[in-house]
Structures are given as structure tokens and as C-alpha cells.
């Protein structure tokens, strides 16, 4: 991630946004105008792909249950 300014650090702290959240959106989000964003559907789709990959890596012999992301509102 690029160098962060004092202003950036203050605003993210005020809003409860972690640096991991910022890195996630930079990696998986899309550019819209002058900002990066990820919507709920894109986040859920990514979650399903990760859960399927985990399931396959763990043997894949049990049914797979997919749950939603409550924190991405």
C-alpha cells in the first residue's frame, strides 16, 4: 500500500476502518471515479469462491455451507 498521510490515518481511525480493510478493497475492489469500492454482492461472491477453494483443499467430502457477510453493509 502507498504511504499513508496523517489525515488518512485520522479519518480511518475515526470511521473504524482498519488498514486490512483498506488493503482488501485496494486488492479486490474496483475504481469508481476517484475512489476504490467493493459492494456487498462482489464481497459475497469472493467469499463463496474462497470457501469453495478451502473446501476443496480440506478434502471436499462434506457438504459445503456458505454464509453471508454481516459486516459489509
Protein backbone atom coordinates (compact mmCIF):
# COMPACT_ATOMS: atom_id res chain seq x y z
CA UNK A 1 0.00 0.00 0.00
CA UNK A 2 1.18 3.53 -0.68
CA UNK A 3 2.42 5.83 2.04
CA UNK A 4 -0.41 6.98 4.32
CA UNK A 5 -0.82 10.57 5.41
CA UNK A 6 -1.67 11.80 8.89
CA UNK A 7 -5.09 12.85 7.54
CA UNK A 8 -5.72 9.35 6.15
CA UNK A 9 -4.79 7.74 9.46
CA UNK A 10 -7.05 10.13 11.40
CA UNK A 11 -10.06 9.59 9.12
CA UNK A 12 -9.79 5.82 9.04
CA UNK A 13 -9.42 5.73 12.83
CA UNK A 14 -12.50 7.96 13.24
CA UNK A 15 -14.54 5.67 11.00
CA UNK A 16 -13.30 2.38 12.45
CA UNK A 17 -11.68 1.34 9.17
CA UNK A 18 -8.68 -0.93 9.64
CA UNK A 19 -5.63 -0.97 7.38
CA UNK A 20 -6.53 -4.58 6.48
CA UNK A 21 -9.92 -3.39 5.22
CA UNK A 22 -8.25 -0.74 3.06
CA UNK A 23 -5.79 -3.30 1.65
CA UNK A 24 -8.67 -5.70 0.89
CA UNK A 25 -10.62 -3.08 -1.06
CA UNK A 26 -7.49 -1.96 -2.92
CA UNK A 27 -6.83 -5.57 -3.94
CA UNK A 28 -10.37 -6.76 -4.71
CA UNK A 29 -12.40 -3.59 -5.28
CA UNK A 30 -12.94 -1.50 -8.37
CA UNK A 31 -12.19 2.11 -9.18
CA UNK A 32 -15.25 4.33 -9.43
CA UNK A 33 -14.38 7.92 -10.20
CA UNK A 34 -11.73 8.90 -7.68
CA UNK A 35 -12.30 6.10 -5.16
CA UNK A 36 -11.98 2.35 -4.73
CA UNK A 37 -15.06 0.44 -3.64
CA UNK A 38 -16.43 -3.06 -3.25
CA UNK A 39 -20.13 -3.77 -2.98
CA UNK A 40 -21.87 -6.44 -0.95
CA UNK A 41 -22.51 -8.73 -3.95
CA UNK A 42 -18.86 -8.66 -5.02
CA UNK A 43 -17.74 -9.36 -1.45
CA UNK A 44 -20.19 -12.29 -1.13
CA UNK A 45 -19.05 -13.69 -4.47
CA UNK A 46 -15.42 -13.52 -3.35
CA UNK A 47 -16.35 -15.19 -0.05
CA UNK A 48 -18.08 -18.06 -1.88
CA UNK A 49 -15.01 -18.58 -4.08
CA UNK A 50 -12.71 -18.63 -1.05
CA UNK A 51 -14.98 -21.02 0.85
CA UNK A 52 -15.14 -23.36 -2.15
CA UNK A 53 -11.34 -23.30 -2.50
CA UNK A 54 -10.98 -24.01 1.23
CA UNK A 55 -13.49 -26.84 0.99
CA UNK A 56 -11.59 -28.39 -1.91
CA UNK A 57 -8.26 -28.05 -0.13
CA UNK A 58 -9.64 -29.67 3.03
CA UNK A 59 -10.76 -32.81 1.20
CA UNK A 60 -14.18 -31.79 -0.05
CA UNK A 61 -16.05 -34.84 1.28
CA UNK A 62 -18.54 -32.90 3.44
CA UNK A 63 -21.40 -30.66 2.23
CA UNK A 64 -20.39 -27.03 1.85
CA UNK A 65 -22.40 -24.35 3.68
CA UNK A 66 -22.00 -20.73 2.56
CA UNK A 67 -22.82 -17.90 4.92
CA UNK A 68 -23.14 -14.14 4.32
CA UNK A 69 -21.03 -11.23 5.47
CA UNK A 70 -22.89 -9.14 8.01
CA UNK A 71 -20.09 -6.57 8.47
CA UNK A 72 -20.10 -5.44 4.83
CA UNK A 73 -23.08 -3.13 4.86
